[in-house]
């Protein structure tokens, strides 16, 4: 089977609208929103490393709220002292009469809370009580939870956790940590982000926010999850991922032997690459999706920067090259910018540069898939408009800077 683009395209548009609406309220939290979406589509757990107060829970909670019919459950793990506190909604006592006239009392527990949630957020996960760890591991695996000696299925779609620290790798938390497939460091906003945050809060409080109607349904998520395995993984992508892993192991600046040794994680890398391709509107994984490896191949924050540097050269795409062509052509002080500001004397030189850039962009477009070609075409339209202005300034039919 192949991805049914007629089905998926409207869904990815809805996902984009939901993400945009959330980010209009939760400034600078693109990573949190996108990582949670990847978790929902792939079914793999996500972990956010960051201090309290950086809006991790709020982003995930709003995303869950925008999935109609979904149940969100969050817990501050140090306050959970037993598995029952996570799973049991209510307890009742039933009394029955035995054949000999005696009485039997049974305690019946009704599951709810995390056992009935579609999205779970486990905050300060590494401070969970030892009694709770097995239940957390069950939830992270996504295969149901143990209760009264049985494995009970749950509707869980996404297990998300957070902490301001990493677990002790030598302790009994390593099994859960190894299953945190998506790992994202969330940092406080910078000065510009904090300024934008104030404006966003004012818009919210004044009920001026847009995108309030943007929602998904559980059926939408199910459709995306069903389509994810159908996303093609070209052999060259597998080879490239192996090359990146080998480079990390051979680098020597940090210990990445664990990443090569973990076959389970290696397999799940491609679940996330498929999910990224699907959310971007593609039916096959491409080089553009490899950036996700930045969230999948680190064990410490220091390693994240090394992974980013190793992955970057492999992520080059025709769209990136086309954008660089435009940026270089329109750089302040360049020939084209000089002509557009009114210097007619360099008109021929500027026109030649525009023509050469258009030829290169046309070549890049021809090497791209349908989705990327459409994006490059937008740049092509922009460049043709610039060329028209250059001609007008050179011929004197338009004043520079107007």
Protein backbone atom coordinates (compact mmCIF):
# COMPACT_ATOMS: atom_id res chain seq x y z
CA UNK A 1 0.00 0.00 0.00
CA UNK A 2 0.96 3.64 -0.38
CA UNK A 3 -0.01 6.77 1.48
CA UNK A 4 -3.39 8.02 0.30
CA UNK A 5 -2.53 11.68 -0.24
CA UNK A 6 -6.18 12.55 -0.85
CA UNK A 7 -6.89 11.48 2.72
CA UNK A 8 -3.69 12.72 4.38
CA UNK A 9 -3.38 16.17 2.76
CA UNK A 10 -6.49 17.63 4.45
CA UNK A 11 -5.35 16.13 7.75
CA UNK A 12 -1.88 17.69 7.59
CA UNK A 13 -3.55 21.03 6.81
CA UNK A 14 -5.68 20.63 9.95
CA UNK A 15 -2.59 19.73 11.98
CA UNK A 16 -0.87 22.87 10.70
CA UNK A 17 -3.84 25.03 11.68
CA UNK A 18 -3.93 23.51 15.16
CA UNK A 19 -0.19 23.98 15.65
CA UNK A 20 -0.42 27.60 14.48
CA UNK A 21 -3.29 28.35 16.87
CA UNK A 22 -1.39 26.86 19.81
CA UNK A 23 1.83 28.71 19.00
CA UNK A 24 -0.04 32.01 18.79
CA UNK A 25 -0.72 31.54 22.52
CA UNK A 26 2.37 29.58 23.57
CA UNK A 27 5.24 31.70 22.31
CA UNK A 28 8.48 30.02 21.26
CA UNK A 29 7.32 26.48 21.98
CA UNK A 30 7.47 25.10 18.44
CA UNK A 31 9.64 22.20 19.63
CA UNK A 32 7.17 21.13 22.31
CA UNK A 33 4.19 21.24 19.94
CA UNK A 34 5.97 19.49 17.07
CA UNK A 35 7.51 16.81 19.28
CA UNK A 36 4.11 16.03 20.79
CA UNK A 37 2.58 15.78 17.32
CA UNK A 38 5.33 13.36 16.32
CA UNK A 39 4.59 11.34 19.44
CA UNK A 40 0.88 11.22 18.60
CA UNK A 41 1.49 10.05 15.04
CA UNK A 42 4.32 7.60 15.78
CA UNK A 43 3.06 6.35 19.15
CA UNK A 44 6.56 6.83 20.61
CA UNK A 45 7.09 8.57 23.98
CA UNK A 46 8.50 12.09 24.23
CA UNK A 47 10.59 13.63 27.02
CA UNK A 48 11.16 17.34 27.64
CA UNK A 49 14.20 18.46 29.60
CA UNK A 50 13.75 21.93 31.04
CA UNK A 51 13.16 23.99 34.19
CA UNK A 52 9.71 24.58 35.68
CA UNK A 53 7.70 27.43 34.20
CA UNK A 54 8.67 27.10 30.53
CA UNK A 55 5.15 26.07 29.47
CA UNK A 56 5.76 22.39 28.76
CA UNK A 57 2.56 21.14 30.38
CA UNK A 58 0.45 24.00 29.02
CA UNK A 59 1.40 23.29 25.40
CA UNK A 60 0.71 19.57 25.63
CA UNK A 61 -2.55 20.17 27.49
CA UNK A 62 -3.84 22.60 24.86
CA UNK A 63 -2.90 20.24 22.04
CA UNK A 64 -4.83 17.46 23.76
CA UNK A 65 -7.77 19.82 24.29
CA UNK A 66 -7.86 20.51 20.55
CA UNK A 67 -8.33 16.81 19.80
CA UNK A 68 -12.09 16.43 20.15
CA UNK A 69 -13.06 13.63 22.50
CA UNK A 70 -9.57 13.06 23.86
CA UNK A 71 -8.81 12.65 27.55
CA UNK A 72 -5.74 14.38 29.02
CA UNK A 73 -4.15 13.21 32.26
CA UNK A 74 -1.24 14.89 33.96
CA UNK A 75 0.45 14.11 37.26
CA UNK A 76 3.30 15.51 39.31
CA UNK A 77 5.01 12.19 39.80
CA UNK A 78 6.57 12.78 43.26
CA UNK A 79 3.03 13.13 44.64
CA UNK A 80 1.91 9.75 43.25
CA UNK A 81 2.56 7.11 45.90
CA UNK A 82 0.96 4.02 44.33
CA UNK A 83 -0.07 2.57 40.95
CA UNK A 84 -3.69 2.76 42.10
CA UNK A 85 -3.40 6.53 42.39
CA UNK A 86 -2.51 6.61 38.70
CA UNK A 87 -5.05 4.13 37.45
CA UNK A 88 -8.06 3.81 39.75
CA UNK A 89 -10.97 6.22 39.33
CA UNK A 90 -13.20 4.80 42.09
CA UNK A 91 -13.42 1.92 44.56
CA UNK A 92 -16.54 0.11 45.72
CA UNK A 93 -17.15 -2.63 48.28
CA UNK A 94 -19.48 -5.45 47.35
CA UNK A 95 -20.92 -7.95 49.83
CA UNK A 96 -22.23 -11.37 48.78
CA UNK A 97 -23.71 -14.31 50.73
CA UNK A 98 -21.95 -17.66 50.49
CA UNK A 99 -23.68 -21.06 50.35
CA UNK A 100 -22.90 -21.73 54.00
CA UNK A 101 -24.56 -18.50 55.03
CA UNK A 102 -21.33 -16.65 55.49
CA UNK A 103 -20.54 -13.37 53.83
CA UNK A 104 -17.84 -12.42 51.37
CA UNK A 105 -16.65 -8.89 50.87
CA UNK A 106 -14.98 -7.88 47.61
CA UNK A 107 -13.27 -4.62 46.78
CA UNK A 108 -13.90 -3.62 43.16
CA UNK A 109 -11.78 -0.97 41.49
CA UNK A 110 -12.94 0.99 38.45
CA UNK A 111 -10.09 2.04 36.20
CA UNK A 112 -9.84 5.63 34.98
CA UNK A 113 -7.36 8.48 35.18
CA UNK A 114 -4.17 7.45 33.30
CA UNK A 115 -5.79 4.14 32.26
CA UNK A 116 -8.43 6.01 30.24
CA UNK A 117 -6.27 8.86 28.90
CA UNK A 118 -5.33 9.45 25.28
CA UNK A 119 -2.50 11.81 26.24
CA UNK A 120 -0.50 11.49 29.46
CA UNK A 121 1.92 14.08 30.83
CA UNK A 122 4.18 12.76 33.61
CA UNK A 123 5.96 15.71 35.22
CA UNK A 124 9.15 15.24 37.24
CA UNK A 125 9.12 11.64 36.07
CA UNK A 126 12.48 10.68 37.56
CA UNK A 127 11.22 11.44 41.06
CA UNK A 128 8.48 8.83 40.86
CA UNK A 129 8.12 6.37 43.74
CA UNK A 130 9.68 2.94 43.09
CA UNK A 131 6.23 1.31 43.41
CA UNK A 132 5.01 3.40 40.51
CA UNK A 133 7.89 2.70 38.13
CA UNK A 134 6.47 -0.51 36.63
CA UNK A 135 3.20 1.23 35.80
CA UNK A 136 5.14 4.10 34.23
CA UNK A 137 7.13 1.60 32.19
CA UNK A 138 3.91 -0.08 31.01
CA UNK A 139 2.50 3.28 29.96
CA UNK A 140 5.71 4.27 28.16
CA UNK A 141 5.65 0.98 26.26
CA UNK A 142 2.10 1.70 25.14
CA UNK A 143 0.90 -1.89 25.39
CA UNK A 144 -1.57 -1.49 28.25
CA UNK A 145 -1.23 -1.53 32.04
CA UNK A 146 -1.13 -4.31 34.62
CA UNK A 147 -4.04 -4.38 37.04
CA UNK A 148 -5.09 -7.18 39.37
CA UNK A 149 -2.84 -9.63 37.56
CA UNK A 150 -4.09 -8.80 34.05
CA UNK A 151 -2.84 -6.61 31.23
CA UNK A 152 -5.56 -4.06 30.52
CA UNK A 153 -5.65 -2.23 27.18
CA UNK A 154 -5.74 1.57 27.27
CA UNK A 155 -6.61 4.19 24.61
CA UNK A 156 -3.22 5.89 25.06
CA UNK A 157 -1.94 7.73 21.99
CA UNK A 158 0.94 9.74 23.43
CA UNK A 159 3.03 9.37 26.59
CA UNK A 160 4.83 12.62 27.36
CA UNK A 161 7.10 13.26 30.32
CA UNK A 162 9.28 16.07 31.62
CA UNK A 163 11.91 16.90 34.20
CA UNK A 164 14.54 19.51 34.91
CA UNK A 165 17.14 16.77 35.24
CA UNK A 166 18.16 13.48 33.67
CA UNK A 167 17.83 10.11 35.40
CA UNK A 168 20.65 8.24 37.08
CA UNK A 169 21.85 5.97 34.29
CA UNK A 170 23.08 3.40 36.77
CA UNK A 171 19.77 3.23 38.67
CA UNK A 172 16.44 1.54 38.04
CA UNK A 173 15.22 4.43 35.86
CA UNK A 174 17.35 3.48 32.87
CA UNK A 175 14.65 1.20 31.40
CA UNK A 176 12.16 4.08 31.22
CA UNK A 177 14.78 6.53 29.97
CA UNK A 178 15.74 4.19 27.11
CA UNK A 179 12.10 4.26 25.96
CA UNK A 180 11.93 8.04 25.79
CA UNK A 181 12.40 7.99 22.03
CA UNK A 182 11.93 11.73 21.45
CA UNK A 183 14.16 13.90 23.65
CA UNK A 184 13.87 17.68 23.50
CA UNK A 185 15.61 20.33 25.58
CA UNK A 186 13.26 23.24 26.37
CA UNK A 187 14.90 26.50 27.40
CA UNK A 188 13.43 29.74 28.82
CA UNK A 189 12.46 32.42 26.34
CA UNK A 190 15.01 35.03 25.37
CA UNK A 191 14.30 38.77 25.62
CA UNK A 192 12.42 38.88 22.30
CA UNK A 193 10.39 35.82 23.24
CA UNK A 194 9.39 37.30 26.58
CA UNK A 195 8.25 40.50 24.84
CA UNK A 196 6.15 38.47 22.41
CA UNK A 197 4.75 36.49 25.35
CA UNK A 198 3.34 39.64 26.94
CA UNK A 199 1.60 40.59 23.68
CA UNK A 200 0.19 37.06 23.32
CA UNK A 201 -1.19 37.11 26.86
CA UNK A 202 -2.87 40.45 26.22
CA UNK A 203 -4.49 39.11 23.05
CA UNK A 204 -5.70 36.08 24.95
CA UNK A 205 -7.08 38.05 27.87
CA UNK A 206 -8.83 40.46 25.48
CA UNK A 207 -10.23 37.51 23.52
CA UNK A 208 -8.44 38.71 20.38
CA UNK A 209 -6.70 35.39 19.66
CA UNK A 210 -7.36 33.72 16.32
CA UNK A 211 -7.55 30.05 15.44
CA UNK A 212 -9.86 29.12 18.31
CA UNK A 213 -11.85 26.83 16.02
CA UNK A 214 -8.83 24.81 14.85
CA UNK A 215 -9.30 21.25 16.08
CA UNK A 216 -8.60 17.62 15.27
CA UNK A 217 -10.58 14.50 16.06
CA UNK A 218 -9.52 11.13 17.41
CA UNK A 219 -10.40 9.72 13.99
CA UNK A 220 -7.98 12.22 12.40
CA UNK A 221 -5.17 11.00 14.65
CA UNK A 222 -6.07 7.37 13.98
CA UNK A 223 -5.97 8.03 10.23
CA UNK A 224 -2.53 9.62 10.48
CA UNK A 225 -1.26 6.75 12.65
CA UNK A 226 -2.61 4.24 10.14
CA UNK A 227 -0.90 6.08 7.26
CA UNK A 228 2.46 6.42 8.98
CA UNK A 229 3.68 2.84 8.28
CA UNK A 230 2.86 3.34 4.59
CA UNK A 231 5.37 6.19 4.25
CA UNK A 232 8.21 4.91 2.07
CA UNK A 233 11.72 4.74 3.58
CA UNK A 234 14.18 4.79 0.64
CA UNK A 235 17.30 2.67 0.96
CA UNK A 236 19.48 5.77 0.65
CA UNK A 237 17.85 7.19 3.80
CA UNK A 238 18.68 4.02 5.75
CA UNK A 239 22.25 4.23 4.48
CA UNK A 240 22.49 7.89 5.45
CA UNK A 241 21.22 7.23 8.98
CA UNK A 242 23.80 4.45 9.34
CA UNK A 243 26.51 6.83 8.10
CA UNK A 244 25.48 9.44 10.67
CA UNK A 245 25.51 6.84 13.45
CA UNK A 246 28.92 5.62 12.36
CA UNK A 247 30.30 9.16 12.34
CA UNK A 248 28.99 9.73 15.87
CA UNK A 249 30.61 6.52 17.11
CA UNK A 250 33.90 7.35 15.38
CA UNK A 251 33.94 11.00 16.49
CA UNK A 252 35.62 10.33 19.83
CA UNK A 253 34.49 13.61 21.41
CA UNK A 254 31.67 11.84 23.22
CA UNK A 255 30.44 8.31 23.86
CA UNK A 256 27.87 7.31 21.27
CA UNK A 257 28.46 3.56 21.47
CA UNK A 258 25.10 3.23 23.25
CA UNK A 259 23.31 4.64 20.18
CA UNK A 260 24.83 2.03 17.89
CA UNK A 261 24.18 -0.79 20.37
CA UNK A 262 20.48 0.05 20.87
CA UNK A 263 18.78 -1.80 18.01
CA UNK A 264 15.34 -0.99 19.39
CA UNK A 265 16.06 2.74 19.18
CA UNK A 266 17.55 2.34 15.70
CA UNK A 267 14.30 0.82 14.45
CA UNK A 268 12.23 3.53 16.05
CA UNK A 269 14.26 6.26 14.37
CA UNK A 270 12.40 5.42 11.19
CA UNK A 271 9.00 5.56 12.90
CA UNK A 272 9.77 9.19 13.68
CA UNK A 273 11.23 9.94 10.25
CA UNK A 274 8.03 8.55 8.70
CA UNK A 275 5.90 10.65 11.06
CA UNK A 276 7.86 13.78 10.16
CA UNK A 277 7.50 13.11 6.44
CA UNK A 278 3.77 12.51 6.85
CA UNK A 279 3.21 15.72 8.83
CA UNK A 280 5.13 17.63 6.17
CA UNK A 281 2.87 16.24 3.45
CA UNK A 282 5.24 13.71 1.89
CA UNK A 283 4.66 10.04 1.13
CA UNK A 284 8.36 9.14 1.43
CA UNK A 285 11.09 10.08 3.88
CA UNK A 286 13.56 12.57 2.41
CA UNK A 287 16.77 14.28 3.51
CA UNK A 288 14.68 17.16 4.81
CA UNK A 289 13.30 14.88 7.52
CA UNK A 290 16.68 13.85 8.90
CA UNK A 291 16.81 16.89 11.21
CA UNK A 292 14.54 14.92 13.57
CA UNK A 293 17.59 12.84 14.49
CA UNK A 294 18.62 15.81 16.65
CA UNK A 295 15.87 14.70 19.06
CA UNK A 296 16.59 10.98 18.84
CA UNK A 297 20.32 10.39 19.22
CA UNK A 298 21.45 12.14 22.39
CA UNK A 299 21.83 10.81 25.91
CA UNK A 300 23.06 14.06 27.49
CA UNK A 301 22.44 17.71 26.49
CA UNK A 302 26.11 18.02 25.57
CA UNK A 303 25.66 15.31 22.95
CA UNK A 304 22.72 17.13 21.37
CA UNK A 305 24.99 19.80 19.85
CA UNK A 306 27.30 17.12 18.42
CA UNK A 307 24.36 15.30 16.83
CA UNK A 308 23.09 18.56 15.36
CA UNK A 309 26.46 19.27 13.76
CA UNK A 310 26.71 15.75 12.30
CA UNK A 311 23.17 15.78 10.91
CA UNK A 312 23.20 19.27 9.36
CA UNK A 313 25.23 18.48 6.21
CA UNK A 314 22.95 15.55 5.40
CA UNK A 315 19.82 17.69 5.60
CA UNK A 316 20.65 19.86 2.62
CA UNK A 317 17.67 20.05 0.27
CA UNK A 318 16.94 21.82 -3.02
CA UNK A 319 14.61 24.16 -1.12
CA UNK A 320 17.41 25.21 1.21
CA UNK A 321 19.73 25.80 -1.75
CA UNK A 322 17.04 27.82 -3.53
CA UNK A 323 16.44 29.97 -0.46
CA UNK A 324 20.17 30.61 -0.18
CA UNK A 325 20.19 31.73 -3.82
CA UNK A 326 17.50 34.29 -3.07
CA UNK A 327 19.14 35.45 0.16
CA UNK A 328 22.53 35.92 -1.52
CA UNK A 329 21.01 37.74 -4.48
CA UNK A 330 19.09 40.19 -2.29
CA UNK A 331 21.80 40.69 0.34
CA UNK A 332 22.17 44.35 1.45
CA UNK A 333 24.99 45.99 -0.45
CA UNK A 334 24.81 43.48 -3.29
CA UNK A 335 24.41 44.40 -6.94
CA UNK A 336 20.67 43.72 -7.11
CA UNK A 337 19.98 45.63 -3.90
CA UNK A 338 22.08 48.52 -5.21
CA UNK A 339 20.06 48.70 -8.44
CA UNK A 340 16.76 48.46 -6.60
CA UNK A 341 17.83 51.40 -4.48
CA UNK A 342 18.27 53.51 -7.65
CA UNK A 343 21.73 52.85 -9.16
CA UNK A 344 20.86 52.23 -12.81
CA UNK A 345 24.51 51.86 -13.81
CA UNK A 346 24.67 48.30 -12.52
CA UNK A 347 21.40 47.26 -14.11
CA UNK A 348 22.85 44.86 -16.70
CA UNK A 349 25.00 43.15 -14.07
CA UNK A 350 22.00 42.80 -11.74
CA UNK A 351 19.82 41.44 -14.53
CA UNK A 352 22.48 38.84 -15.39
CA UNK A 353 22.59 37.71 -11.76
CA UNK A 354 18.81 37.36 -11.70
CA UNK A 355 18.84 35.26 -14.86
CA UNK A 356 21.55 32.96 -13.50
CA UNK A 357 19.68 32.55 -10.21
CA UNK A 358 16.44 31.73 -12.07
CA UNK A 359 18.22 29.01 -14.07
CA UNK A 360 19.62 27.49 -10.89
CA UNK A 361 16.26 27.62 -9.11
CA UNK A 362 14.59 25.97 -12.11
CA UNK A 363 17.17 23.18 -11.90
CA UNK A 364 16.58 22.73 -8.18
CA UNK A 365 12.84 22.62 -8.73
CA UNK A 366 13.24 19.87 -11.33
CA UNK A 367 15.15 17.74 -8.77
CA UNK A 368 12.48 18.10 -6.06
CA UNK A 369 9.39 16.14 -5.11
CA UNK A 370 5.97 17.68 -5.64
CA UNK A 371 5.70 19.30 -2.22
CA UNK A 372 9.17 20.84 -2.25
CA UNK A 373 8.83 21.91 -5.88
CA UNK A 374 5.73 23.90 -4.93
CA UNK A 375 7.72 25.74 -2.25
CA UNK A 376 10.58 26.43 -4.65
CA UNK A 377 8.08 27.76 -7.17
CA UNK A 378 7.06 30.42 -4.65
CA UNK A 379 10.69 31.54 -4.51
CA UNK A 380 10.78 31.50 -8.32
CA UNK A 381 7.77 33.84 -8.42
CA UNK A 382 9.49 36.13 -5.92
CA UNK A 383 12.66 36.21 -7.99
CA UNK A 384 10.77 36.97 -11.21
CA UNK A 385 9.17 39.91 -9.43
CA UNK A 386 12.62 41.14 -8.40
CA UNK A 387 13.85 40.75 -11.98
CA UNK A 388 10.92 42.82 -13.24
CA UNK A 389 11.78 45.59 -10.78
CA UNK A 390 15.45 45.50 -11.82
CA UNK A 391 14.43 45.92 -15.48
CA UNK A 392 12.06 48.77 -14.60
CA UNK A 393 14.71 50.65 -12.59
CA UNK A 394 17.32 50.10 -15.30
CA UNK A 395 15.00 51.43 -18.03
CA UNK A 396 13.96 54.36 -15.87
CA UNK A 397 10.27 53.38 -15.72
CA UNK A 398 10.45 52.90 -11.99
CA UNK A 399 12.33 54.84 -9.36
CA UNK A 400 14.67 52.93 -7.09
CA UNK A 401 13.36 52.17 -3.63
CA UNK A 402 9.70 52.58 -4.65
